[in-house]
C-alpha cells in the first residue's frame, strides 16, 4: 500500500523523477497483495493487482536514498542487515510520530486503519520532500 500510494503522490508533483520500490522484511516473496488491500487501493484509483512481494535485501538498501518503514522496530532490523543504512531509514509516520500496525491476517477494519495511517504518512512525507523534488 505504502509504495503505491507514495509513487502515485510523487507522480502528481510533476517534474519529479522518482523511482519507488516496495519490499518487505518478512515478505511472502512472489505473492500478490491481499484481496482486501487490492480492493481498498482500487477504491482510491490505484491498481496494485500486478504487484508481487519481494524481500528487502542489501542491494535494495544500497540503491535507496530513502527507506520508509511502518514501525520503529523495522528500522532496527534494517540496521542489523546493513548498518550503513543509518540516516536514510525513517518511519512513514515519522512526522506524525505514529507507527502503522501490520494488518496481515486481520479484519478489513484493521486494513482500513493501516491504510488511513499510511495515507497520512505519505501526505506528510510528500510535503517534506516537495521542495527537494521540484528543484
N, C-alpha and C. Protein backbone atom coordinates (compact mmCIF):
# COMPACT_ATOMS: atom_id res chain seq x y z
N UNK A 1 0.83 -1.19 0.00
CA UNK A 1 0.00 0.00 0.00
C UNK A 1 0.87 1.25 0.00
N UNK A 2 1.86 1.27 0.89
CA UNK A 2 2.69 2.46 1.04
C UNK A 2 3.43 2.83 -0.22
N UNK A 3 4.06 1.85 -0.84
CA UNK A 3 4.83 2.14 -2.05
C UNK A 3 3.96 2.67 -3.17
N UNK A 4 2.81 2.07 -3.36
CA UNK A 4 1.90 2.51 -4.43
C UNK A 4 1.35 3.89 -4.15
N UNK A 5 1.00 4.16 -2.91
CA UNK A 5 0.48 5.48 -2.56
C UNK A 5 1.55 6.55 -2.70
N UNK A 6 2.78 6.24 -2.28
CA UNK A 6 3.87 7.21 -2.40
C UNK A 6 4.19 7.48 -3.87
N UNK A 7 4.29 6.42 -4.67
CA UNK A 7 4.57 6.60 -6.09
C UNK A 7 3.50 7.46 -6.76
N UNK A 8 2.24 7.21 -6.43
CA UNK A 8 1.14 7.98 -7.00
C UNK A 8 1.23 9.44 -6.58
N UNK A 9 1.47 9.68 -5.30
CA UNK A 9 1.54 11.05 -4.80
C UNK A 9 2.72 11.80 -5.40
N UNK A 10 3.85 11.15 -5.54
CA UNK A 10 5.03 11.81 -6.10
C UNK A 10 4.87 12.07 -7.59
N UNK A 11 4.19 11.17 -8.29
CA UNK A 11 3.98 11.40 -9.72
C UNK A 11 3.08 12.60 -9.96
N UNK A 12 2.23 12.90 -9.01
CA UNK A 12 1.33 14.04 -9.13
C UNK A 12 2.04 15.38 -8.90
N UNK A 13 3.28 15.33 -8.41
CA UNK A 13 4.03 16.58 -8.21
C UNK A 13 4.46 17.19 -9.53
N UNK A 14 4.67 16.34 -10.51
CA UNK A 14 5.11 16.83 -11.82
C UNK A 14 6.57 17.23 -11.80
N UNK A 15 7.31 16.73 -12.74
CA UNK A 15 8.72 17.08 -12.85
C UNK A 15 9.64 16.27 -11.96
N UNK A 16 9.09 15.59 -10.99
CA UNK A 16 9.91 14.80 -10.08
C UNK A 16 10.17 13.42 -10.68
N UNK A 17 11.44 13.10 -10.90
CA UNK A 17 11.81 11.80 -11.45
C UNK A 17 12.22 10.90 -10.28
N UNK A 18 11.25 10.14 -9.76
CA UNK A 18 11.46 9.33 -8.57
C UNK A 18 11.06 7.90 -8.87
N UNK A 19 11.88 6.96 -8.44
CA UNK A 19 11.59 5.54 -8.59
C UNK A 19 11.30 4.98 -7.21
N UNK A 20 10.08 4.50 -7.00
CA UNK A 20 9.66 3.94 -5.72
C UNK A 20 9.58 2.43 -5.85
N UNK A 21 10.23 1.74 -4.93
CA UNK A 21 10.17 0.28 -4.90
C UNK A 21 9.63 -0.15 -3.54
N UNK A 22 8.99 -1.29 -3.52
CA UNK A 22 8.42 -1.82 -2.30
C UNK A 22 9.06 -3.17 -1.99
N UNK A 23 9.42 -3.36 -0.73
CA UNK A 23 9.98 -4.64 -0.29
C UNK A 23 9.66 -4.82 1.19
N UNK A 24 9.58 -6.05 1.61
CA UNK A 24 9.26 -6.33 3.00
C UNK A 24 10.38 -7.04 3.72
N UNK A 25 10.41 -6.89 5.01
CA UNK A 25 11.41 -7.57 5.83
C UNK A 25 11.06 -9.05 5.95
N UNK A 26 9.78 -9.36 6.07
CA UNK A 26 9.31 -10.75 6.12
C UNK A 26 8.29 -11.00 5.02
N UNK A 27 8.61 -10.56 3.83
CA UNK A 27 7.67 -10.64 2.70
C UNK A 27 7.42 -12.08 2.28
N UNK A 28 6.20 -12.33 1.84
CA UNK A 28 5.85 -13.60 1.22
C UNK A 28 6.20 -13.46 -0.25
N UNK A 29 7.46 -13.69 -0.54
CA UNK A 29 8.03 -13.41 -1.87
C UNK A 29 7.19 -14.03 -2.98
N UNK A 30 6.88 -13.18 -3.97
CA UNK A 30 6.13 -13.62 -5.14
C UNK A 30 4.63 -13.59 -4.98
N UNK A 31 4.14 -13.34 -3.78
CA UNK A 31 2.70 -13.34 -3.55
C UNK A 31 2.09 -11.99 -3.94
N UNK A 32 0.85 -12.02 -4.46
CA UNK A 32 0.16 -10.77 -4.76
C UNK A 32 -0.36 -10.15 -3.46
N UNK A 33 -0.78 -8.90 -3.52
CA UNK A 33 -1.37 -8.26 -2.34
C UNK A 33 -2.66 -8.97 -1.93
N UNK A 34 -2.97 -8.90 -0.67
CA UNK A 34 -4.23 -9.42 -0.13
C UNK A 34 -5.39 -8.84 -0.93
N UNK A 35 -6.44 -9.62 -1.11
CA UNK A 35 -7.61 -9.17 -1.86
C UNK A 35 -8.24 -7.92 -1.25
N UNK A 36 -8.25 -7.85 0.07
CA UNK A 36 -8.80 -6.66 0.74
C UNK A 36 -7.99 -5.43 0.35
N UNK A 37 -6.68 -5.56 0.37
CA UNK A 37 -5.80 -4.44 0.02
C UNK A 37 -6.03 -4.02 -1.42
N UNK A 38 -6.11 -4.99 -2.31
CA UNK A 38 -6.34 -4.66 -3.72
C UNK A 38 -7.63 -3.86 -3.89
N UNK A 39 -8.69 -4.29 -3.21
CA UNK A 39 -9.97 -3.59 -3.32
C UNK A 39 -9.90 -2.19 -2.72
N UNK A 40 -9.29 -2.06 -1.55
CA UNK A 40 -9.18 -0.74 -0.92
C UNK A 40 -8.36 0.23 -1.78
N UNK A 41 -7.33 -0.29 -2.39
CA UNK A 41 -6.50 0.57 -3.25
C UNK A 41 -7.24 0.94 -4.53
N UNK A 42 -8.00 -0.01 -5.10
CA UNK A 42 -8.81 0.31 -6.29
C UNK A 42 -9.82 1.41 -5.98
N UNK A 43 -10.37 1.39 -4.75
CA UNK A 43 -11.30 2.44 -4.35
C UNK A 43 -10.62 3.81 -4.35
N UNK A 44 -9.30 3.82 -4.26
CA UNK A 44 -8.52 5.07 -4.30
C UNK A 44 -7.96 5.31 -5.70
N UNK A 45 -8.35 4.47 -6.65
CA UNK A 45 -7.92 4.65 -8.04
C UNK A 45 -6.55 4.09 -8.35
N UNK A 46 -6.04 3.19 -7.51
CA UNK A 46 -4.71 2.62 -7.72
C UNK A 46 -4.84 1.10 -7.84
N UNK A 47 -4.43 0.57 -8.98
CA UNK A 47 -4.48 -0.87 -9.23
C UNK A 47 -3.13 -1.48 -8.87
N UNK A 48 -3.12 -2.32 -7.84
CA UNK A 48 -1.87 -2.97 -7.41
C UNK A 48 -1.92 -4.48 -7.65
N UNK A 49 -2.83 -4.92 -8.50
CA UNK A 49 -3.03 -6.36 -8.72
C UNK A 49 -1.80 -7.03 -9.32
N UNK A 50 -0.97 -6.29 -10.04
CA UNK A 50 0.22 -6.91 -10.66
C UNK A 50 1.43 -6.92 -9.71
N UNK A 51 1.31 -6.26 -8.58
CA UNK A 51 2.42 -6.21 -7.62
C UNK A 51 2.68 -7.61 -7.04
N UNK A 52 3.95 -7.93 -6.86
CA UNK A 52 4.34 -9.17 -6.19
C UNK A 52 5.34 -8.82 -5.09
N UNK A 53 5.16 -9.46 -3.95
CA UNK A 53 6.01 -9.16 -2.80
C UNK A 53 7.45 -9.56 -3.06
N UNK A 54 8.37 -8.76 -2.53
CA UNK A 54 9.79 -9.09 -2.61
C UNK A 54 10.42 -8.81 -1.25
N UNK A 55 11.51 -9.50 -1.03
CA UNK A 55 12.25 -9.39 0.23
C UNK A 55 13.23 -8.22 0.17
N UNK A 56 13.28 -7.44 1.24
CA UNK A 56 14.29 -6.40 1.34
C UNK A 56 15.66 -7.06 1.45
N UNK A 57 16.62 -6.53 0.72
CA UNK A 57 17.98 -7.09 0.76
C UNK A 57 19.00 -5.95 0.70
N UNK A 58 20.25 -6.29 0.83
CA UNK A 58 21.31 -5.27 0.83
C UNK A 58 21.32 -4.45 -0.46
N UNK A 59 21.09 -5.09 -1.60
CA UNK A 59 21.10 -4.35 -2.87
C UNK A 59 20.05 -3.25 -2.88
N UNK A 60 18.85 -3.56 -2.40
CA UNK A 60 17.80 -2.54 -2.35
C UNK A 60 18.14 -1.45 -1.33
N UNK A 61 18.74 -1.85 -0.22
CA UNK A 61 19.14 -0.87 0.79
C UNK A 61 20.18 0.08 0.21
N UNK A 62 21.17 -0.45 -0.50
CA UNK A 62 22.20 0.40 -1.13
C UNK A 62 21.58 1.31 -2.18
N UNK A 63 20.64 0.78 -2.96
CA UNK A 63 20.01 1.52 -4.06
C UNK A 63 19.22 2.72 -3.55
N UNK A 64 18.55 2.56 -2.43
CA UNK A 64 17.60 3.56 -1.95
C UNK A 64 18.28 4.79 -1.35
N UNK A 65 17.70 5.95 -1.64
CA UNK A 65 18.10 7.19 -0.98
C UNK A 65 17.30 7.40 0.30
N UNK A 66 16.09 6.82 0.33
CA UNK A 66 15.19 6.94 1.47
C UNK A 66 14.45 5.62 1.61
N UNK A 67 14.40 5.12 2.83
CA UNK A 67 13.66 3.88 3.11
C UNK A 67 12.63 4.21 4.18
N UNK A 68 11.37 3.96 3.85
CA UNK A 68 10.29 4.20 4.80
C UNK A 68 9.76 2.87 5.32
N UNK A 69 9.65 2.76 6.62
CA UNK A 69 9.15 1.55 7.27
C UNK A 69 7.86 1.88 8.00
N UNK A 70 7.13 0.87 8.35
CA UNK A 70 5.86 1.06 9.03
C UNK A 70 6.02 1.22 10.55
N UNK A 71 6.98 0.51 11.13
CA UNK A 71 7.15 0.50 12.60
C UNK A 71 8.60 0.74 12.98
N UNK A 72 8.80 1.35 14.14
CA UNK A 72 10.16 1.66 14.61
C UNK A 72 11.04 0.42 14.69
N UNK A 73 10.48 -0.71 15.09
CA UNK A 73 11.26 -1.94 15.21
C UNK A 73 11.87 -2.35 13.88
N UNK A 74 11.20 -2.01 12.80
CA UNK A 74 11.72 -2.37 11.47
C UNK A 74 12.99 -1.61 11.15
N UNK A 75 13.14 -0.41 11.69
CA UNK A 75 14.38 0.34 11.49
C UNK A 75 15.55 -0.45 12.05
N UNK A 76 15.40 -0.96 13.25
CA UNK A 76 16.47 -1.75 13.88
C UNK A 76 16.79 -3.00 13.07
N UNK A 77 15.78 -3.64 12.54
CA UNK A 77 16.01 -4.83 11.72
C UNK A 77 16.81 -4.48 10.47
N UNK A 78 16.50 -3.36 9.86
CA UNK A 78 17.25 -2.94 8.67
C UNK A 78 18.69 -2.63 9.04
N UNK A 79 18.91 -1.97 10.15
CA UNK A 79 20.27 -1.65 10.58
C UNK A 79 21.06 -2.93 10.87
N UNK A 80 20.37 -3.98 11.31
CA UNK A 80 21.08 -5.25 11.56
C UNK A 80 21.46 -5.92 10.23
N UNK A 81 20.68 -5.70 9.17
CA UNK A 81 21.01 -6.22 7.85
C UNK A 81 22.15 -5.40 7.26
N UNK A 82 22.05 -4.08 7.39
CA UNK A 82 23.04 -3.18 6.79
C UNK A 82 23.20 -1.92 7.65
N UNK A 83 24.22 -1.91 8.52
CA UNK A 83 24.44 -0.76 9.40
C UNK A 83 24.61 0.57 8.66
N UNK A 84 25.09 0.54 7.43
CA UNK A 84 25.30 1.79 6.69
C UNK A 84 23.98 2.44 6.28
N UNK A 85 22.86 1.80 6.55
CA UNK A 85 21.55 2.37 6.20
C UNK A 85 21.15 3.51 7.14
N UNK A 86 21.88 3.67 8.22
CA UNK A 86 21.54 4.76 9.16
C UNK A 86 21.56 6.09 8.42
N UNK A 87 20.58 6.90 8.72
CA UNK A 87 20.48 8.20 8.08
C UNK A 87 19.54 8.23 6.90
N UNK A 88 19.10 7.04 6.45
CA UNK A 88 18.15 7.06 5.34
C UNK A 88 16.93 6.18 5.61
N UNK A 89 16.80 5.68 6.83
CA UNK A 89 15.65 4.85 7.20
C UNK A 89 14.80 5.63 8.20
N UNK A 90 13.53 5.79 7.85
CA UNK A 90 12.60 6.53 8.69
C UNK A 90 11.25 5.81 8.71
N UNK A 91 10.45 6.12 9.69
CA UNK A 91 9.09 5.59 9.74
C UNK A 91 8.20 6.42 8.82
N UNK A 92 7.24 5.78 8.21
CA UNK A 92 6.30 6.52 7.37
C UNK A 92 5.53 7.52 8.22
N UNK A 93 5.36 7.22 9.49
CA UNK A 93 4.69 8.12 10.41
C UNK A 93 5.63 9.02 11.20
N UNK A 94 6.83 9.19 10.69
CA UNK A 94 7.88 9.96 11.38
C UNK A 94 7.40 11.35 11.80
N UNK A 95 6.72 12.05 10.91
CA UNK A 95 6.34 13.44 11.17
C UNK A 95 5.10 13.53 12.05
N UNK A 96 4.34 12.46 12.10
CA UNK A 96 3.17 12.44 12.98
C UNK A 96 3.40 11.61 14.22
N UNK A 97 4.61 11.07 14.33
CA UNK A 97 5.02 10.24 15.47
C UNK A 97 4.06 9.08 15.71
N UNK A 98 3.83 8.30 14.65
CA UNK A 98 2.99 7.11 14.79
C UNK A 98 3.59 5.95 14.01
N UNK A 99 3.26 4.74 14.44
CA UNK A 99 3.60 3.53 13.72
C UNK A 99 2.34 3.05 12.99
N UNK A 100 2.54 2.24 11.98
CA UNK A 100 1.43 1.63 11.25
C UNK A 100 1.41 0.15 11.61
N UNK A 101 0.36 -0.32 12.29
CA UNK A 101 0.29 -1.73 12.66
C UNK A 101 0.10 -2.61 11.42
N UNK A 102 0.72 -3.77 11.43
CA UNK A 102 0.61 -4.70 10.31
C UNK A 102 -0.76 -5.36 10.34
N UNK A 103 -1.57 -5.16 9.30
CA UNK A 103 -2.92 -5.74 9.30
C UNK A 103 -2.98 -7.17 8.76
N UNK A 104 -1.83 -7.75 8.41
CA UNK A 104 -1.80 -9.08 7.80
C UNK A 104 -2.61 -10.08 8.62
N UNK A 105 -3.52 -10.79 7.93
CA UNK A 105 -4.38 -11.82 8.51
C UNK A 105 -5.34 -11.28 9.56
N UNK A 106 -5.69 -9.99 9.41
CA UNK A 106 -6.65 -9.39 10.33
C UNK A 106 -7.88 -8.93 9.55
N UNK A 107 -8.77 -8.26 10.23
CA UNK A 107 -10.04 -7.85 9.63
C UNK A 107 -9.86 -6.70 8.64
N UNK A 108 -10.89 -6.50 7.84
CA UNK A 108 -10.88 -5.39 6.90
C UNK A 108 -10.76 -4.07 7.66
N UNK A 109 -11.37 -3.98 8.83
CA UNK A 109 -11.28 -2.77 9.64
C UNK A 109 -9.81 -2.44 9.93
N UNK A 110 -9.00 -3.44 10.24
CA UNK A 110 -7.58 -3.20 10.53
C UNK A 110 -6.83 -2.75 9.27
N UNK A 111 -7.20 -3.30 8.12
CA UNK A 111 -6.58 -2.86 6.87
C UNK A 111 -6.93 -1.39 6.60
N UNK A 112 -8.17 -1.01 6.89
CA UNK A 112 -8.58 0.38 6.68
C UNK A 112 -7.83 1.32 7.63
N UNK A 113 -7.66 0.90 8.87
CA UNK A 113 -6.90 1.71 9.83
C UNK A 113 -5.47 1.89 9.35
N UNK A 114 -4.85 0.79 8.93
CA UNK A 114 -3.47 0.86 8.43
C UNK A 114 -3.40 1.76 7.20
N UNK A 115 -4.33 1.61 6.28
CA UNK A 115 -4.34 2.41 5.07
C UNK A 115 -4.49 3.90 5.38
N UNK A 116 -5.38 4.24 6.29
CA UNK A 116 -5.56 5.65 6.66
C UNK A 116 -4.27 6.22 7.26
N UNK A 117 -3.58 5.44 8.08
CA UNK A 117 -2.31 5.90 8.66
C UNK A 117 -1.25 6.07 7.57
N UNK A 118 -1.20 5.13 6.65
CA UNK A 118 -0.23 5.22 5.55
C UNK A 118 -0.51 6.45 4.69
N UNK A 119 -1.77 6.71 4.40
CA UNK A 119 -2.13 7.90 3.62
C UNK A 119 -1.65 9.16 4.33
N UNK A 120 -1.88 9.24 5.62
CA UNK A 120 -1.41 10.40 6.39
C UNK A 120 0.11 10.52 6.33
N UNK A 121 0.79 9.40 6.52
CA UNK A 121 2.25 9.41 6.47
C UNK A 121 2.78 9.83 5.11
N UNK A 122 2.18 9.31 4.06
CA UNK A 122 2.61 9.66 2.69
C UNK A 122 2.40 11.16 2.46
N UNK A 123 1.25 11.68 2.86
CA UNK A 123 0.99 13.11 2.68
C UNK A 123 2.05 13.94 3.41
N UNK A 124 2.39 13.54 4.63
CA UNK A 124 3.41 14.26 5.39
C UNK A 124 4.77 14.20 4.70
N UNK A 125 5.14 13.02 4.21
CA UNK A 125 6.44 12.88 3.53
C UNK A 125 6.47 13.67 2.23
N UNK A 126 5.40 13.65 1.47
CA UNK A 126 5.37 14.40 0.21
C UNK A 126 5.56 15.89 0.49
N UNK A 127 4.92 16.40 1.53
CA UNK A 127 5.11 17.81 1.90
C UNK A 127 6.56 18.09 2.25
N UNK A 128 7.20 17.18 2.97
CA UNK A 128 8.60 17.37 3.37
C UNK A 128 9.53 17.27 2.16
N UNK A 129 9.21 16.38 1.22
CA UNK A 129 10.09 16.15 0.08
C UNK A 129 9.83 17.10 -1.09
N UNK A 130 8.68 17.73 -1.11
CA UNK A 130 8.25 18.53 -2.26
C UNK A 130 9.33 19.52 -2.73
N UNK A 131 9.88 20.28 -1.85
CA UNK A 131 10.88 21.27 -2.23
C UNK A 131 12.11 20.64 -2.86
N UNK A 132 12.57 19.53 -2.31
CA UNK A 132 13.75 18.85 -2.84
C UNK A 132 13.49 18.26 -4.23
N UNK A 133 12.30 17.74 -4.42
CA UNK A 133 11.99 17.07 -5.68
C UNK A 133 11.68 18.03 -6.81
N UNK A 134 11.32 19.24 -6.51
CA UNK A 134 10.96 20.19 -7.55
C UNK A 134 12.11 21.14 -7.89
N UNK A 135 13.30 20.84 -7.41
CA UNK A 135 14.47 21.67 -7.73
C UNK A 135 14.94 21.44 -9.14
